[in-house]
């Protein structure tokens, strides 16, 4: 992978979508009523967040390698937090 903008856009596209979904899911878990009350808002908010991630990866990262590594690490952290949340079986705020 070279440092071209095309591979940075690809990193933002492929890794940005699951990252935006994970971030929005983490955000709604702390809402009153849990995920049931905020799922529509989270899915709606994930699209602009995904576009922001795509644009930021093309501009903020100096190389495509940095974009792939940072977005991959962010995905691991967010999905690890979701997995940990599920393992702990933390009840929602409404329960």
N, C-alpha and C. Protein backbone atom coordinates (compact mmCIF):
# COMPACT_ATOMS: atom_id res chain seq x y z
N UNK A 1 0.84 -1.18 0.00
CA UNK A 1 0.00 0.00 0.00
C UNK A 1 0.88 1.24 0.00
N UNK A 2 0.66 2.10 -0.93
CA UNK A 2 1.41 3.35 -0.95
C UNK A 2 0.66 4.42 -0.17
N UNK A 3 1.23 5.60 -0.12
CA UNK A 3 0.64 6.68 0.67
C UNK A 3 -0.39 7.49 -0.09
N UNK A 4 -0.91 6.95 -1.18
CA UNK A 4 -1.87 7.69 -1.99
C UNK A 4 -3.20 7.87 -1.29
N UNK A 5 -3.94 8.85 -1.76
CA UNK A 5 -5.23 9.15 -1.16
C UNK A 5 -6.24 8.05 -1.41
N UNK A 6 -6.06 7.29 -2.50
CA UNK A 6 -7.00 6.21 -2.80
C UNK A 6 -7.03 5.14 -1.75
N UNK A 7 -5.89 4.75 -1.23
CA UNK A 7 -5.87 3.72 -0.20
C UNK A 7 -6.33 4.25 1.15
N UNK A 8 -6.15 5.54 1.40
CA UNK A 8 -6.66 6.12 2.63
C UNK A 8 -8.19 6.17 2.58
N UNK A 9 -8.74 6.51 1.43
CA UNK A 9 -10.19 6.50 1.26
C UNK A 9 -10.73 5.09 1.45
N UNK A 10 -10.00 4.11 0.92
CA UNK A 10 -10.43 2.71 1.07
C UNK A 10 -10.43 2.30 2.54
N UNK A 11 -9.42 2.71 3.27
CA UNK A 11 -9.38 2.42 4.71
C UNK A 11 -10.57 3.06 5.42
N UNK A 12 -10.85 4.31 5.09
CA UNK A 12 -11.99 4.98 5.70
C UNK A 12 -13.31 4.35 5.33
N UNK A 13 -13.40 3.86 4.12
CA UNK A 13 -14.65 3.24 3.67
C UNK A 13 -14.85 1.88 4.32
N UNK A 14 -13.83 1.04 4.27
CA UNK A 14 -13.98 -0.33 4.78
C UNK A 14 -13.96 -0.42 6.30
N UNK A 15 -13.13 0.37 6.94
CA UNK A 15 -13.05 0.31 8.40
C UNK A 15 -13.91 1.37 9.08
N UNK A 16 -14.28 2.40 8.34
CA UNK A 16 -15.08 3.48 8.92
C UNK A 16 -16.52 3.10 9.17
N UNK A 17 -17.08 2.26 8.30
CA UNK A 17 -18.49 1.88 8.48
C UNK A 17 -18.70 1.08 9.77
N UNK A 18 -17.95 -0.01 9.99
CA UNK A 18 -18.16 -0.71 11.27
C UNK A 18 -17.79 0.15 12.48
N UNK A 19 -16.81 1.04 12.32
CA UNK A 19 -16.45 1.93 13.42
C UNK A 19 -17.59 2.89 13.75
N UNK A 20 -18.22 3.45 12.74
CA UNK A 20 -19.33 4.37 12.99
C UNK A 20 -20.50 3.64 13.64
N UNK A 21 -20.78 2.42 13.22
CA UNK A 21 -21.86 1.65 13.85
C UNK A 21 -21.53 1.32 15.30
N UNK A 22 -20.28 0.96 15.57
CA UNK A 22 -19.89 0.62 16.94
C UNK A 22 -19.94 1.84 17.85
N UNK A 23 -19.48 2.98 17.36
CA UNK A 23 -19.50 4.21 18.17
C UNK A 23 -20.94 4.62 18.48
N UNK A 24 -21.81 4.56 17.48
CA UNK A 24 -23.21 4.92 17.71
C UNK A 24 -23.89 3.92 18.64
N UNK A 25 -23.54 2.64 18.55
CA UNK A 25 -24.10 1.64 19.45
C UNK A 25 -23.63 1.88 20.88
N UNK A 26 -22.36 2.19 21.05
CA UNK A 26 -21.85 2.50 22.39
C UNK A 26 -22.56 3.73 22.97
N UNK A 27 -22.86 4.70 22.11
CA UNK A 27 -23.53 5.91 22.58
C UNK A 27 -24.95 5.63 23.06
N UNK A 28 -25.67 4.74 22.38
CA UNK A 28 -27.07 4.52 22.78
C UNK A 28 -27.20 3.57 23.96
N UNK A 29 -26.15 2.85 24.29
CA UNK A 29 -26.25 1.94 25.43
C UNK A 29 -26.44 2.69 26.74
N UNK A 30 -26.01 3.93 26.80
CA UNK A 30 -26.13 4.71 28.03
C UNK A 30 -27.38 5.59 28.05
N UNK A 31 -28.20 5.51 27.03
CA UNK A 31 -29.44 6.28 27.03
C UNK A 31 -30.47 5.65 27.96
N UNK A 32 -31.35 6.47 28.53
CA UNK A 32 -32.45 5.88 29.29
C UNK A 32 -33.33 5.05 28.34
N UNK A 33 -33.63 3.86 28.72
CA UNK A 33 -34.42 2.98 27.87
C UNK A 33 -33.56 2.02 27.08
N UNK A 34 -32.25 2.18 27.15
CA UNK A 34 -31.35 1.25 26.47
C UNK A 34 -31.36 1.40 24.96
N UNK A 35 -30.90 0.36 24.31
CA UNK A 35 -30.75 0.44 22.86
C UNK A 35 -32.09 0.45 22.14
N UNK A 36 -33.15 -0.08 22.76
CA UNK A 36 -34.45 -0.12 22.10
C UNK A 36 -34.99 1.27 21.80
N UNK A 37 -34.71 2.21 22.68
CA UNK A 37 -35.26 3.56 22.49
C UNK A 37 -34.42 4.41 21.54
N UNK A 38 -33.18 4.03 21.27
CA UNK A 38 -32.33 4.89 20.45
C UNK A 38 -31.80 4.27 19.19
N UNK A 39 -32.30 3.11 18.80
CA UNK A 39 -31.73 2.41 17.66
C UNK A 39 -31.91 3.18 16.35
N UNK A 40 -33.06 3.80 16.16
CA UNK A 40 -33.30 4.54 14.92
C UNK A 40 -32.36 5.74 14.83
N UNK A 41 -32.21 6.45 15.92
CA UNK A 41 -31.28 7.59 15.95
C UNK A 41 -29.84 7.18 15.71
N UNK A 42 -29.46 6.03 16.26
CA UNK A 42 -28.09 5.55 16.09
C UNK A 42 -27.81 5.16 14.65
N UNK A 43 -28.74 4.47 14.03
CA UNK A 43 -28.55 4.08 12.64
C UNK A 43 -28.54 5.32 11.74
N UNK A 44 -29.38 6.28 12.05
CA UNK A 44 -29.41 7.52 11.27
C UNK A 44 -28.13 8.32 11.46
N UNK A 45 -27.60 8.36 12.67
CA UNK A 45 -26.38 9.12 12.94
C UNK A 45 -25.13 8.43 12.41
N UNK A 46 -25.21 7.13 12.16
CA UNK A 46 -24.01 6.42 11.71
C UNK A 46 -23.60 6.81 10.29
N UNK A 47 -24.55 7.18 9.44
CA UNK A 47 -24.19 7.58 8.08
C UNK A 47 -23.36 8.86 8.03
N UNK A 48 -23.78 9.96 8.68
CA UNK A 48 -22.92 11.15 8.67
C UNK A 48 -21.58 10.92 9.37
N UNK A 49 -21.58 10.10 10.40
CA UNK A 49 -20.33 9.77 11.08
C UNK A 49 -19.40 8.99 10.15
N UNK A 50 -19.95 8.07 9.39
CA UNK A 50 -19.16 7.29 8.43
C UNK A 50 -18.55 8.21 7.38
N UNK A 51 -19.33 9.14 6.85
CA UNK A 51 -18.82 10.09 5.86
C UNK A 51 -17.73 10.95 6.48
N UNK A 52 -17.91 11.37 7.72
CA UNK A 52 -16.88 12.17 8.40
C UNK A 52 -15.60 11.37 8.57
N UNK A 53 -15.71 10.09 8.87
CA UNK A 53 -14.52 9.24 9.01
C UNK A 53 -13.82 9.11 7.66
N UNK A 54 -14.57 8.91 6.59
CA UNK A 54 -13.97 8.79 5.26
C UNK A 54 -13.21 10.06 4.90
N UNK A 55 -13.83 11.21 5.12
CA UNK A 55 -13.19 12.49 4.78
C UNK A 55 -11.97 12.72 5.67
N UNK A 56 -12.11 12.42 6.96
CA UNK A 56 -10.98 12.68 7.86
C UNK A 56 -9.80 11.77 7.57
N UNK A 57 -10.05 10.53 7.16
CA UNK A 57 -8.92 9.64 6.86
C UNK A 57 -8.16 10.12 5.64
N UNK A 58 -8.85 10.71 4.70
CA UNK A 58 -8.15 11.18 3.51
C UNK A 58 -7.33 12.44 3.79
N UNK A 59 -7.68 13.17 4.85
CA UNK A 59 -7.00 14.42 5.12
C UNK A 59 -6.05 14.37 6.32
N UNK A 60 -6.41 13.62 7.35
CA UNK A 60 -5.65 13.68 8.60
C UNK A 60 -4.44 12.76 8.65
N UNK A 61 -4.55 11.60 8.03
CA UNK A 61 -3.45 10.65 8.11
C UNK A 61 -2.41 10.94 7.05
N UNK A 62 -1.16 10.84 7.44
CA UNK A 62 -0.08 11.15 6.50
C UNK A 62 0.17 10.02 5.52
N UNK A 63 -0.19 8.80 5.91
CA UNK A 63 0.01 7.66 5.01
C UNK A 63 -1.18 6.71 5.11
N UNK A 64 -1.30 5.87 4.12
CA UNK A 64 -2.39 4.90 4.15
C UNK A 64 -2.15 3.87 5.25
N UNK A 65 -0.90 3.56 5.53
CA UNK A 65 -0.58 2.61 6.59
C UNK A 65 -1.07 3.12 7.94
N UNK A 66 -0.86 4.41 8.20
CA UNK A 66 -1.35 5.00 9.45
C UNK A 66 -2.87 4.94 9.52
N UNK A 67 -3.54 5.21 8.40
CA UNK A 67 -5.00 5.17 8.38
C UNK A 67 -5.51 3.77 8.68
N UNK A 68 -4.92 2.76 8.05
CA UNK A 68 -5.34 1.37 8.29
C UNK A 68 -5.08 0.97 9.74
N UNK A 69 -3.93 1.33 10.28
CA UNK A 69 -3.59 0.93 11.65
C UNK A 69 -4.47 1.63 12.69
N UNK A 70 -4.65 2.95 12.56
CA UNK A 70 -5.46 3.68 13.53
C UNK A 70 -6.92 3.27 13.47
N UNK A 71 -7.46 3.14 12.28
CA UNK A 71 -8.87 2.74 12.17
C UNK A 71 -9.06 1.29 12.61
N UNK A 72 -8.10 0.43 12.31
CA UNK A 72 -8.18 -0.95 12.79
C UNK A 72 -8.14 -1.02 14.31
N UNK A 73 -7.26 -0.23 14.91
CA UNK A 73 -7.17 -0.20 16.38
C UNK A 73 -8.45 0.37 16.99
N UNK A 74 -9.00 1.40 16.38
CA UNK A 74 -10.25 1.98 16.88
C UNK A 74 -11.39 0.97 16.80
N UNK A 75 -11.44 0.19 15.73
CA UNK A 75 -12.45 -0.86 15.60
C UNK A 75 -12.27 -1.91 16.69
N UNK A 76 -11.04 -2.33 16.92
CA UNK A 76 -10.79 -3.32 17.97
C UNK A 76 -11.23 -2.82 19.34
N UNK A 77 -10.94 -1.56 19.63
CA UNK A 77 -11.32 -0.99 20.92
C UNK A 77 -12.83 -0.90 21.07
N UNK A 78 -13.51 -0.38 20.05
CA UNK A 78 -14.96 -0.22 20.13
C UNK A 78 -15.69 -1.56 20.20
N UNK A 79 -15.29 -2.49 19.33
CA UNK A 79 -15.96 -3.78 19.36
C UNK A 79 -15.56 -4.58 20.60
N UNK A 80 -14.37 -4.36 21.12
CA UNK A 80 -13.99 -4.97 22.39
C UNK A 80 -14.83 -4.44 23.53
N UNK A 81 -15.12 -3.14 23.51
CA UNK A 81 -15.98 -2.55 24.54
C UNK A 81 -17.40 -3.12 24.44
N UNK A 82 -17.91 -3.27 23.22
CA UNK A 82 -19.24 -3.85 23.05
C UNK A 82 -19.27 -5.31 23.53
N UNK A 83 -18.21 -6.04 23.22
CA UNK A 83 -18.13 -7.43 23.64
C UNK A 83 -18.04 -7.51 25.16
N UNK A 84 -17.23 -6.64 25.76
CA UNK A 84 -17.13 -6.60 27.21
C UNK A 84 -18.45 -6.23 27.87
N UNK A 85 -19.16 -5.30 27.28
CA UNK A 85 -20.46 -4.90 27.79
C UNK A 85 -21.40 -6.09 27.81
N UNK A 86 -21.37 -6.87 26.72
CA UNK A 86 -22.24 -8.04 26.63
C UNK A 86 -21.83 -9.11 27.64
N UNK A 87 -20.54 -9.32 27.82
CA UNK A 87 -20.07 -10.33 28.77
C UNK A 87 -20.42 -9.98 30.20
N UNK A 88 -20.36 -8.68 30.51
CA UNK A 88 -20.70 -8.25 31.86
C UNK A 88 -22.20 -8.27 32.09
N UNK A 89 -22.96 -8.31 31.01
CA UNK A 89 -24.43 -8.31 31.08
C UNK A 89 -24.92 -7.13 31.90
N UNK A 90 -24.37 -5.97 31.58
CA UNK A 90 -24.76 -4.74 32.26
C UNK A 90 -26.17 -4.39 31.86
N UNK A 91 -27.08 -4.26 32.82
CA UNK A 91 -28.44 -3.91 32.46
C UNK A 91 -28.51 -2.47 31.93
N UNK A 92 -29.49 -2.22 31.10
CA UNK A 92 -29.64 -0.87 30.56
C UNK A 92 -30.12 0.06 31.66
N UNK A 93 -30.12 1.35 31.38
CA UNK A 93 -30.50 2.35 32.37
C UNK A 93 -31.97 2.24 32.78
N UNK A 94 -32.82 1.70 31.89
CA UNK A 94 -34.24 1.59 32.19
C UNK A 94 -34.56 0.43 33.12
N UNK A 95 -33.69 -0.55 33.17
CA UNK A 95 -33.98 -1.76 33.97
C UNK A 95 -33.76 -1.56 35.44
